[in-house]
Amino acid sequence: MTTFDQIKPTAGDTLASHEYILDIAKYATTGVVPSSFINVPDFKDFAPAAPPKLANVTTYANKGNTAQRKTGEDWTAQFNVLPIIGDDGSLQPELELLLAAADGIGAENLIWFQYYHARVASLAYQGTAAVEVTRQNTGPEGEIEFYSITLTGQGDRVKVQNPATAPGGDSNEGAIDPDGE
């Protein structure tokens, strides 16, 4: 048993909330080519979540207690993007891609995504998501515009080799193949 006097702070460095990296690509049924990902640099408040999808496996042997097993997850990722307008009147390409996907129906509403931590190798995921976009700041005070983005998983969020921590810093080994190959 651990005593109070034995408890010491963990040695090491802390993480910063801005150390997540998000890349997106236009969805195609042929899979994602790692070079087709574009980075989303102007985002904040990134909050991925993967609540479990549970199935009831309760039997009499549980003696009145509930028993459940995880069968999947209903993952989402929410974040805000600062729109930047260029000299040509267009927004940054990654925001244009998100807005176009949000307007789409069926497969046109989907994107490929990958998000990963800049320093933690085990925090790297890739998958397919439906896109929803809403305006965040709608008041009359002239606030800086942000778009709130919600990505809703399409069942295929998988762990991948972290591109930021892989040798060379740009590997996408384990990239999604829609045929499962």
C-alpha atoms as a PDB file:
ATOM      1  CA  MET A   1       0.000   0.000   0.000  1.00  0.00           C
ATOM      2  CA  THR A   2       1.257   3.477  -0.832  1.00  0.00           C
ATOM      3  CA  THR A   3       1.612   5.872   2.069  1.00  0.00           C
ATOM      4  CA  PHE A   4       1.002   9.604   1.822  1.00  0.00           C
ATOM      5  CA  ASP A   5       4.731  10.346   2.258  1.00  0.00           C
ATOM      6  CA  GLN A   6       5.602   8.126  -0.736  1.00  0.00           C
ATOM      7  CA  ILE A   7       3.516  10.186  -3.174  1.00  0.00           C
ATOM      8  CA  LYS A   8       5.735  12.466  -5.280  1.00  0.00           C
ATOM      9  CA  PRO A   9       5.045  14.548  -8.413  1.00  0.00           C
ATOM     10  CA  THR A  10       5.719  12.711 -11.660  1.00  0.00           C
ATOM     11  CA  ALA A  11       9.008  13.770 -13.237  1.00  0.00           C
ATOM     12  CA  GLY A  12       8.960  15.059 -16.813  1.00  0.00           C
ATOM     13  CA  ASP A  13       7.493  17.786 -18.975  1.00  0.00           C
ATOM     14  CA  THR A  14       3.852  18.826 -19.234  1.00  0.00           C
ATOM     15  CA  LEU A  15       1.860  18.996 -22.464  1.00  0.00           C
ATOM     16  CA  ALA A  16       0.279  22.096 -23.993  1.00  0.00           C
ATOM     17  CA  SER A  17      -3.210  22.147 -25.476  1.00  0.00           C
ATOM     18  CA  HIS A  18      -1.920  23.611 -28.763  1.00  0.00           C
ATOM     19  CA  GLU A  19       0.268  20.584 -29.513  1.00  0.00           C
ATOM     20  CA  TYR A  20      -2.400  18.730 -31.513  1.00  0.00           C
ATOM     21  CA  ILE A  21      -2.117  18.696 -35.287  1.00  0.00           C
ATOM     22  CA  LEU A  22      -5.137  18.245 -37.568  1.00  0.00           C
ATOM     23  CA  ASP A  23      -4.964  17.313 -41.257  1.00  0.00           C
ATOM     24  CA  ILE A  24      -7.898  16.765 -43.621  1.00  0.00           C
ATOM     25  CA  ALA A  25      -8.402  15.533 -47.177  1.00  0.00           C
ATOM     26  CA  LYS A  26     -11.265  15.341 -49.635  1.00  0.00           C
ATOM     27  CA  TYR A  27     -13.082  12.029 -49.263  1.00  0.00           C
ATOM     28  CA  ALA A  28     -12.741   9.434 -52.001  1.00  0.00           C
ATOM     29  CA  THR A  29     -13.900   5.824 -51.942  1.00  0.00           C
ATOM     30  CA  THR A  30     -10.477   4.768 -53.225  1.00  0.00           C
ATOM     31  CA  GLY A  31      -8.863   5.651 -49.914  1.00  0.00           C
ATOM     32  CA  VAL A  32      -6.616   8.443 -48.802  1.00  0.00           C
ATOM     33  CA  VAL A  33      -3.225   9.259 -50.247  1.00  0.00           C
ATOM     34  CA  PRO A  34      -1.036  10.657 -47.445  1.00  0.00           C
ATOM     35  CA  SER A  35       0.205  13.490 -49.660  1.00  0.00           C
ATOM     36  CA  SER A  36      -3.390  14.662 -50.187  1.00  0.00           C
ATOM     37  CA  PHE A  37      -3.778  15.742 -46.549  1.00  0.00           C
ATOM     38  CA  ILE A  38      -3.723  19.476 -45.893  1.00  0.00           C
ATOM     39  CA  ASN A  39      -3.038  20.926 -42.471  1.00  0.00           C
ATOM     40  CA  VAL A  40      -5.591  22.983 -40.528  1.00  0.00           C
ATOM     41  CA  PRO A  41      -3.325  25.507 -38.757  1.00  0.00           C
ATOM     42  CA  ASP A  42      -5.892  28.103 -37.667  1.00  0.00           C
ATOM     43  CA  PHE A  43      -7.925  25.968 -35.259  1.00  0.00           C
ATOM     44  CA  LYS A  44      -8.482  25.972 -31.502  1.00  0.00           C
ATOM     45  CA  ASP A  45     -10.546  24.286 -28.780  1.00  0.00           C
ATOM     46  CA  PHE A  46      -9.925  20.848 -30.312  1.00  0.00           C
ATOM     47  CA  ALA A  47     -11.997  18.290 -28.382  1.00  0.00           C
ATOM     48  CA  PRO A  48     -12.054  14.739 -29.752  1.00  0.00           C
ATOM     49  CA  ALA A  49     -14.281  12.287 -27.884  1.00  0.00           C
ATOM     50  CA  ALA A  50     -14.948   8.582 -28.338  1.00  0.00           C
ATOM     51  CA  PRO A  51     -17.747   7.504 -26.009  1.00  0.00           C
ATOM     52  CA  PRO A  52     -18.223   3.742 -26.107  1.00  0.00           C
ATOM     53  CA  LYS A  53     -21.128   2.007 -27.787  1.00  0.00           C
ATOM     54  CA  LEU A  54     -22.185  -0.593 -25.227  1.00  0.00           C
ATOM     55  CA  ALA A  55     -24.166  -3.815 -25.564  1.00  0.00           C
ATOM     56  CA  ASN A  56     -26.025  -5.359 -22.648  1.00  0.00           C
ATOM     57  CA  VAL A  57     -24.594  -8.763 -21.709  1.00  0.00           C
ATOM     58  CA  THR A  58     -26.316  -9.070 -18.330  1.00  0.00           C
ATOM     59  CA  THR A  59     -27.264 -12.592 -17.244  1.00  0.00           C
ATOM     60  CA  TYR A  60     -28.619 -14.125 -14.066  1.00  0.00           C
ATOM     61  CA  ALA A  61     -25.006 -14.813 -13.079  1.00  0.00           C
ATOM     62  CA  ASN A  62     -24.547 -11.056 -12.599  1.00  0.00           C
ATOM     63  CA  LYS A  63     -27.002 -11.333  -9.679  1.00  0.00           C
ATOM     64  CA  GLY A  64     -28.922  -8.163 -10.458  1.00  0.00           C
ATOM     65  CA  ASN A  65     -25.934  -6.105 -11.565  1.00  0.00           C
ATOM     66  CA  THR A  66     -25.627  -4.719 -15.071  1.00  0.00           C
ATOM     67  CA  ALA A  67     -22.915  -6.070 -17.368  1.00  0.00           C
ATOM     68  CA  GLN A  68     -21.976  -4.365 -20.619  1.00  0.00           C
ATOM     69  CA  ARG A  69     -19.352  -4.803 -23.316  1.00  0.00           C
ATOM     70  CA  LYS A  70     -17.931  -2.192 -25.637  1.00  0.00           C
ATOM     71  CA  THR A  71     -18.871  -3.010 -29.234  1.00  0.00           C
ATOM     72  CA  GLY A  72     -17.712   0.189 -30.883  1.00  0.00           C
ATOM     73  CA  GLU A  73     -17.602   3.922 -30.379  1.00  0.00           C
ATOM     74  CA  ASP A  74     -19.593   6.983 -31.371  1.00  0.00           C
ATOM     75  CA  TRP A  75     -16.676   9.335 -31.840  1.00  0.00           C
ATOM     76  CA  THR A  76     -16.754  13.023 -32.633  1.00  0.00           C
ATOM     77  CA  ALA A  77     -14.281  15.881 -32.782  1.00  0.00           C
ATOM     78  CA  GLN A  78     -15.240  19.486 -32.231  1.00  0.00           C
ATOM     79  CA  PHE A  79     -13.076  22.544 -32.857  1.00  0.00           C
ATOM     80  CA  ASN A  80     -13.209  26.140 -34.040  1.00  0.00           C
ATOM     81  CA  VAL A  81     -11.510  27.567 -37.133  1.00  0.00           C
ATOM     82  CA  LEU A  82     -10.506  31.192 -37.667  1.00  0.00           C
ATOM     83  CA  PRO A  83     -11.405  32.126 -41.260  1.00  0.00           C
ATOM     84  CA  ILE A  84      -8.699  34.064 -43.080  1.00  0.00           C
ATOM     85  CA  ILE A  85      -9.647  35.762 -46.339  1.00  0.00           C
ATOM     86  CA  GLY A  86      -6.966  36.027 -49.008  1.00  0.00           C
ATOM     87  CA  ASP A  87      -6.325  38.796 -51.524  1.00  0.00           C
ATOM     88  CA  ASP A  88      -8.354  36.812 -54.067  1.00  0.00           C
ATOM     89  CA  GLY A  89     -11.417  36.774 -51.778  1.00  0.00           C
ATOM     90  CA  SER A  90     -11.214  33.080 -50.931  1.00  0.00           C
ATOM     91  CA  LEU A  91     -10.770  31.456 -47.549  1.00  0.00           C
ATOM     92  CA  GLN A  92      -7.882  29.167 -46.705  1.00  0.00           C
ATOM     93  CA  PRO A  93      -8.110  25.848 -48.644  1.00  0.00           C
ATOM     94  CA  GLU A  94      -8.706  23.684 -45.570  1.00  0.00           C
ATOM     95  CA  LEU A  95     -11.683  25.807 -44.475  1.00  0.00           C
ATOM     96  CA  GLU A  96     -13.059  25.833 -48.031  1.00  0.00           C
ATOM     97  CA  LEU A  97     -12.858  22.006 -47.962  1.00  0.00           C
ATOM     98  CA  LEU A  98     -14.720  21.831 -44.628  1.00  0.00           C
ATOM     99  CA  LEU A  99     -17.411  24.266 -45.822  1.00  0.00           C
ATOM    100  CA  ALA A 100     -17.893  22.350 -49.091  1.00  0.00           C
ATOM    101  CA  ALA A 101     -18.180  19.048 -47.216  1.00  0.00           C
ATOM    102  CA  ALA A 102     -20.707  20.558 -44.790  1.00  0.00           C
ATOM    103  CA  ASP A 103     -22.851  21.579 -47.777  1.00  0.00           C
ATOM    104  CA  GLY A 104     -22.599  18.105 -49.319  1.00  0.00           C
ATOM    105  CA  ILE A 105     -25.091  15.246 -49.227  1.00  0.00           C
ATOM    106  CA  GLY A 106     -24.090  11.588 -48.917  1.00  0.00           C
ATOM    107  CA  ALA A 107     -20.414  10.927 -49.635  1.00  0.00           C
ATOM    108  CA  GLU A 108     -19.952  14.623 -50.496  1.00  0.00           C
ATOM    109  CA  ASN A 109     -20.495  15.358 -46.761  1.00  0.00           C
ATOM    110  CA  LEU A 110     -17.454  13.272 -45.786  1.00  0.00           C
ATOM    111  CA  ILE A 111     -13.759  14.011 -45.355  1.00  0.00           C
ATOM    112  CA  TRP A 112     -10.689  11.992 -44.432  1.00  0.00           C
ATOM    113  CA  PHE A 113      -9.026  13.280 -41.296  1.00  0.00           C
ATOM    114  CA  GLN A 114      -6.033  12.566 -39.134  1.00  0.00           C
ATOM    115  CA  TYR A 115      -5.183  14.118 -35.828  1.00  0.00           C
ATOM    116  CA  TYR A 116      -2.119  13.536 -33.746  1.00  0.00           C
ATOM    117  CA  HIS A 117      -0.049  14.986 -30.955  1.00  0.00           C
ATOM    118  CA  ALA A 118       3.214  16.738 -31.762  1.00  0.00           C
ATOM    119  CA  ARG A 119       5.143  14.870 -29.037  1.00  0.00           C
ATOM    120  CA  VAL A 120       3.142  11.833 -27.870  1.00  0.00           C
ATOM    121  CA  ALA A 121       3.607   8.954 -30.316  1.00  0.00           C
ATOM    122  CA  SER A 122       0.557   6.982 -29.127  1.00  0.00           C
ATOM    123  CA  LEU A 123      -1.891   9.838 -29.780  1.00  0.00           C
ATOM    124  CA  ALA A 124      -2.520   9.497 -33.522  1.00  0.00           C
ATOM    125  CA  TYR A 125      -5.810   8.662 -35.262  1.00  0.00           C
ATOM    126  CA  GLN A 126      -7.208   8.624 -38.764  1.00  0.00           C
ATOM    127  CA  GLY A 127     -10.660   8.048 -40.199  1.00  0.00           C
ATOM    128  CA  THR A 128     -13.673   9.281 -42.121  1.00  0.00           C
ATOM    129  CA  ALA A 129     -16.061  11.903 -40.799  1.00  0.00           C
ATOM    130  CA  ALA A 130     -19.238  13.733 -41.708  1.00  0.00           C
ATOM    131  CA  VAL A 131     -18.836  17.513 -41.413  1.00  0.00           C
ATOM    132  CA  GLU A 132     -21.112  20.080 -39.774  1.00  0.00           C
ATOM    133  CA  VAL A 133     -20.255  23.799 -39.692  1.00  0.00           C
ATOM    134  CA  THR A 134     -21.915  26.586 -37.696  1.00  0.00           C
ATOM    135  CA  ARG A 135     -20.939  30.203 -37.119  1.00  0.00           C
ATOM    136  CA  GLN A 136     -19.668  30.763 -33.608  1.00  0.00           C
ATOM    137  CA  ASN A 137     -19.751  34.561 -33.240  1.00  0.00           C
ATOM    138  CA  THR A 138     -23.039  36.021 -34.432  1.00  0.00           C
ATOM    139  CA  GLY A 139     -23.364  39.140 -32.263  1.00  0.00           C
ATOM    140  CA  PRO A 140     -23.549  42.741 -33.474  1.00  0.00           C
ATOM    141  CA  GLU A 141     -20.388  43.864 -31.643  1.00  0.00           C
ATOM    142  CA  GLY A 142     -18.038  43.082 -34.533  1.00  0.00           C
ATOM    143  CA  GLU A 143     -16.402  40.072 -32.903  1.00  0.00           C
ATOM    144  CA  ILE A 144     -13.781  38.115 -34.792  1.00  0.00           C
ATOM    145  CA  GLU A 145     -15.491  35.400 -36.837  1.00  0.00           C
ATOM    146  CA  PHE A 146     -14.939  31.724 -36.020  1.00  0.00           C
ATOM    147  CA  TYR A 147     -16.593  28.647 -37.488  1.00  0.00           C
ATOM    148  CA  SER A 148     -17.462  25.791 -35.152  1.00  0.00           C
ATOM    149  CA  ILE A 149     -16.772  22.441 -36.788  1.00  0.00           C
ATOM    150  CA  THR A 150     -18.138  19.075 -35.695  1.00  0.00           C
ATOM    151  CA  LEU A 151     -16.737  15.909 -37.238  1.00  0.00           C
ATOM    152  CA  THR A 152     -18.931  12.853 -36.688  1.00  0.00           C
ATOM    153  CA  GLY A 153     -17.246   9.520 -37.164  1.00  0.00           C
ATOM    154  CA  GLN A 154     -18.266   7.046 -39.789  1.00  0.00           C
ATOM    155  CA  GLY A 155     -17.109   4.055 -37.771  1.00  0.00           C
ATOM    156  CA  ASP A 156     -13.514   3.831 -38.890  1.00  0.00           C
ATOM    157  CA  ARG A 157     -11.392   5.895 -36.485  1.00  0.00           C
ATOM    158  CA  VAL A 158      -8.183   3.888 -36.147  1.00  0.00           C
ATOM    159  CA  LYS A 159      -4.850   4.371 -34.442  1.00  0.00           C
ATOM    160  CA  VAL A 160      -2.007   5.058 -36.876  1.00  0.00           C
ATOM    161  CA  GLN A 161       1.699   5.708 -36.656  1.00  0.00           C
ATOM    162  CA  ASN A 162       2.103   9.296 -35.516  1.00  0.00           C
ATOM    163  CA  PRO A 163       3.404  11.378 -38.457  1.00  0.00           C
ATOM    164  CA  ALA A 164       4.964  13.934 -36.093  1.00  0.00           C
ATOM    165  CA  THR A 165       6.975  11.431 -34.064  1.00  0.00           C
ATOM    166  CA  ALA A 166       7.781   8.879 -36.792  1.00  0.00           C
ATOM    167  CA  PRO A 167      11.318   8.806 -38.207  1.00  0.00           C
ATOM    168  CA  GLY A 168      11.353  11.532 -40.845  1.00  0.00           C
ATOM    169  CA  GLY A 169       8.257  13.109 -39.285  1.00  0.00           C
ATOM    170  CA  ASP A 170       5.874  12.470 -42.167  1.00  0.00           C
ATOM    171  CA  SER A 171       5.037   8.763 -42.262  1.00  0.00           C
ATOM    172  CA  ASN A 172       1.444   7.655 -42.647  1.00  0.00           C
ATOM    173  CA  GLU A 173       2.066   3.945 -42.287  1.00  0.00           C
ATOM    174  CA  GLY A 174      -1.226   2.374 -41.355  1.00  0.00           C
ATOM    175  CA  ALA A 175      -3.210   4.836 -43.453  1.00  0.00           C
ATOM    176  CA  ILE A 176      -6.823   3.939 -44.027  1.00  0.00           C
ATOM    177  CA  ASP A 177      -7.705   1.654 -46.892  1.00  0.00           C
ATOM    178  CA  PRO A 178     -11.487   1.618 -47.376  1.00  0.00           C
ATOM    179  CA  ASP A 179     -11.300  -1.981 -48.608  1.00  0.00           C
ATOM    180  CA  GLY A 180      -9.637  -3.046 -45.342  1.00  0.00           C
ATOM    181  CA  GLU A 181      -6.482  -4.226 -47.087  1.00  0.00           C
END
